[in-house]
Amino acid sequence: MLLIGRHNRPTLLNGEFHANMYMNLMDSLVIRPGTLDDTIAQREHAEILAALPGHRVPRPDLALNRSRFDGDRHRPQFHMLPPWHWMNEPHAPVYFKGKYHIFYQHDPLGPFWGQIHWGHAVSTDMVHWRDMPIALAPAGDSK
């Protein structure tokens, strides 16, 4: 079996979902006949590194930035959305000290159900929303 964009040993979340995606961090894929031994793999890796600026693998910019969606005609313009991935159960806006607050469930680690956090956004006009820090996050096992 060939898995592209996934690894072979996924973590099972909630007894139902497999967390095995690389989340778009794969730049290329080469399929060739036969096997690749360690010596050849190491040599090819060194050749690829030698061709990169600074001879290092660049670190991807994983900063969450809503501007990457600017100009996306399929993304709602007047609807509160999370800054990335998905959201679930957005709760009715609460008006407090001159601002509307919305809280919603989402997993900031990826587009799957797993480490559910509560996101938080605020607005003064219910059209323009500002992302706030995570409101609630799962706690580690206290045992």
Protein backbone atom coordinates (compact mmCIF):
# COMPACT_ATOMS: atom_id res chain seq x y z
CA MET A 1 0.00 0.00 0.00
CA LEU A 2 1.22 3.52 -0.81
CA LEU A 3 0.14 6.39 1.43
CA ILE A 4 0.79 9.85 0.01
CA GLY A 5 0.66 12.71 2.50
CA ARG A 6 0.18 10.36 5.44
CA HIS A 7 2.38 8.28 7.63
CA ASN A 8 1.95 4.58 8.27
CA ARG A 9 1.42 4.65 12.04
CA PRO A 10 -1.46 7.03 12.74
CA THR A 11 -2.48 8.03 16.23
CA LEU A 12 -6.06 7.07 17.04
CA LEU A 13 -8.00 9.99 18.52
CA ASN A 14 -11.22 9.44 20.44
CA GLY A 15 -11.11 5.81 19.37
CA GLU A 16 -12.36 6.89 15.94
CA PHE A 17 -10.18 9.36 14.02
CA HIS A 18 -6.70 8.68 12.67
CA ALA A 19 -4.27 11.59 13.02
CA ASN A 20 -1.85 10.69 10.28
CA MET A 21 -1.63 13.70 7.99
CA TYR A 22 1.50 15.72 7.33
CA MET A 23 -0.67 18.83 6.89
CA ASN A 24 0.71 19.98 3.51
CA LEU A 25 4.37 19.87 4.53
CA MET A 26 5.40 17.58 1.66
CA ASP A 27 7.07 19.34 -1.26
CA SER A 28 7.79 16.46 -3.60
CA LEU A 29 7.21 12.79 -4.16
CA VAL A 30 9.40 10.43 -6.17
CA ILE A 31 8.20 6.94 -7.08
CA ARG A 32 10.80 4.59 -8.52
CA PRO A 33 11.08 0.86 -9.04
CA GLY A 34 12.94 -1.23 -6.51
CA THR A 35 14.17 -0.35 -3.08
CA LEU A 36 16.27 2.53 -1.87
CA ASP A 37 19.07 1.56 0.51
CA ASP A 38 20.34 3.84 3.29
CA THR A 39 23.53 4.83 1.47
CA ILE A 40 21.70 6.03 -1.64
CA ALA A 41 18.98 7.76 0.43
CA GLN A 42 21.59 9.62 2.50
CA ARG A 43 23.56 10.63 -0.60
CA GLU A 44 20.43 11.93 -2.37
CA HIS A 45 19.35 13.80 0.75
CA ALA A 46 22.79 15.44 1.02
CA GLU A 47 22.62 16.45 -2.67
CA ILE A 48 19.20 18.05 -2.15
CA LEU A 49 20.42 19.92 0.96
CA ALA A 50 23.52 21.15 -0.89
CA ALA A 51 21.27 22.79 -3.52
CA LEU A 52 19.16 24.67 -0.94
CA PRO A 53 19.95 28.21 0.27
CA GLY A 54 22.17 27.94 3.33
CA HIS A 55 22.32 24.17 2.73
CA ARG A 56 19.38 23.75 5.11
CA VAL A 57 15.77 22.71 4.77
CA PRO A 58 13.71 25.91 5.02
CA ARG A 59 11.36 26.14 7.95
CA PRO A 60 7.82 26.68 6.72
CA ASP A 61 5.96 29.74 7.94
CA LEU A 62 3.17 28.13 9.92
CA ALA A 63 1.94 31.39 11.40
CA LEU A 64 -1.82 31.49 11.23
CA ASN A 65 -2.68 34.47 9.09
CA ARG A 66 -6.18 35.16 7.79
CA SER A 67 -4.84 37.31 4.93
CA ARG A 68 -4.00 34.13 3.02
CA PHE A 69 -7.75 33.91 2.30
CA ASP A 70 -8.01 37.45 0.88
CA GLY A 71 -9.55 37.31 -2.55
CA ASP A 72 -11.00 33.81 -2.07
CA ARG A 73 -14.39 34.29 -3.68
CA HIS A 74 -15.70 31.10 -2.11
CA ARG A 75 -14.96 32.13 1.47
CA PRO A 76 -17.87 33.91 3.15
CA GLN A 77 -17.23 37.61 3.62
CA PHE A 78 -19.87 38.46 6.25
CA HIS A 79 -19.83 35.33 8.35
CA MET A 80 -17.64 34.75 11.39
CA LEU A 81 -15.15 31.99 10.59
CA PRO A 82 -12.22 30.61 12.55
CA PRO A 83 -8.78 31.77 11.40
CA TRP A 84 -7.90 28.25 10.22
CA HIS A 85 -9.28 24.75 9.90
CA TRP A 86 -12.92 24.28 10.90
CA MET A 87 -15.26 25.26 13.68
CA ASN A 88 -18.17 23.61 15.41
CA GLU A 89 -20.91 24.88 17.68
CA PRO A 90 -20.47 28.64 17.36
CA HIS A 91 -22.46 30.02 20.26
CA ALA A 92 -24.66 33.07 19.94
CA PRO A 93 -22.82 36.35 20.34
CA VAL A 94 -22.61 37.68 23.86
CA TYR A 95 -22.58 41.47 24.14
CA PHE A 96 -20.18 42.63 26.86
CA LYS A 97 -18.56 46.04 27.38
CA GLY A 98 -19.31 47.30 23.87
CA LYS A 99 -18.21 44.17 21.99
CA TYR A 100 -19.82 41.03 20.67
CA HIS A 101 -18.03 37.83 21.68
CA ILE A 102 -18.43 34.47 19.94
CA PHE A 103 -17.02 31.22 21.30
CA TYR A 104 -16.72 28.12 19.15
CA GLN A 105 -15.18 24.65 19.18
CA HIS A 106 -12.28 23.82 16.91
CA ASP A 107 -9.03 21.90 16.76
CA PRO A 108 -6.11 24.26 16.10
CA LEU A 109 -3.85 21.27 15.39
CA GLY A 110 -5.62 20.24 12.20
CA PRO A 111 -8.83 19.71 10.28
CA PHE A 112 -9.98 16.79 12.40
CA TRP A 113 -11.79 16.07 15.62
CA GLY A 114 -9.30 15.56 18.41
CA GLN A 115 -7.89 18.20 20.72
CA ILE A 116 -11.02 20.33 20.92
CA HIS A 117 -10.34 23.89 22.02
CA TRP A 118 -12.72 26.81 22.42
CA GLY A 119 -11.87 29.65 20.07
CA HIS A 120 -12.89 33.24 20.79
CA ALA A 121 -13.53 36.18 18.46
CA VAL A 122 -14.77 39.73 19.13
CA SER A 123 -16.48 42.36 17.00
CA THR A 124 -17.97 45.81 17.42
CA ASP A 125 -20.25 45.49 14.36
CA MET A 126 -20.71 41.70 13.85
CA VAL A 127 -19.12 42.00 10.39
CA HIS A 128 -15.45 42.56 11.19
CA TRP A 129 -14.11 40.00 13.64
CA ARG A 130 -10.84 39.96 15.55
CA ASP A 131 -9.37 36.64 16.68
CA MET A 132 -8.61 36.38 20.35
CA PRO A 133 -6.37 33.86 22.11
CA ILE A 134 -7.80 30.38 22.71
CA ALA A 135 -10.43 30.66 25.46
CA LEU A 136 -10.26 27.04 26.73
CA ALA A 137 -7.84 24.25 25.91
CA PRO A 138 -7.74 20.62 27.04
CA ALA A 139 -5.64 20.07 30.12
CA GLY A 140 -3.03 17.35 30.36
CA ASP A 141 -3.77 14.26 32.39
CA SER A 142 -3.37 15.25 36.03
CA LYS A 143 -2.74 11.70 37.27
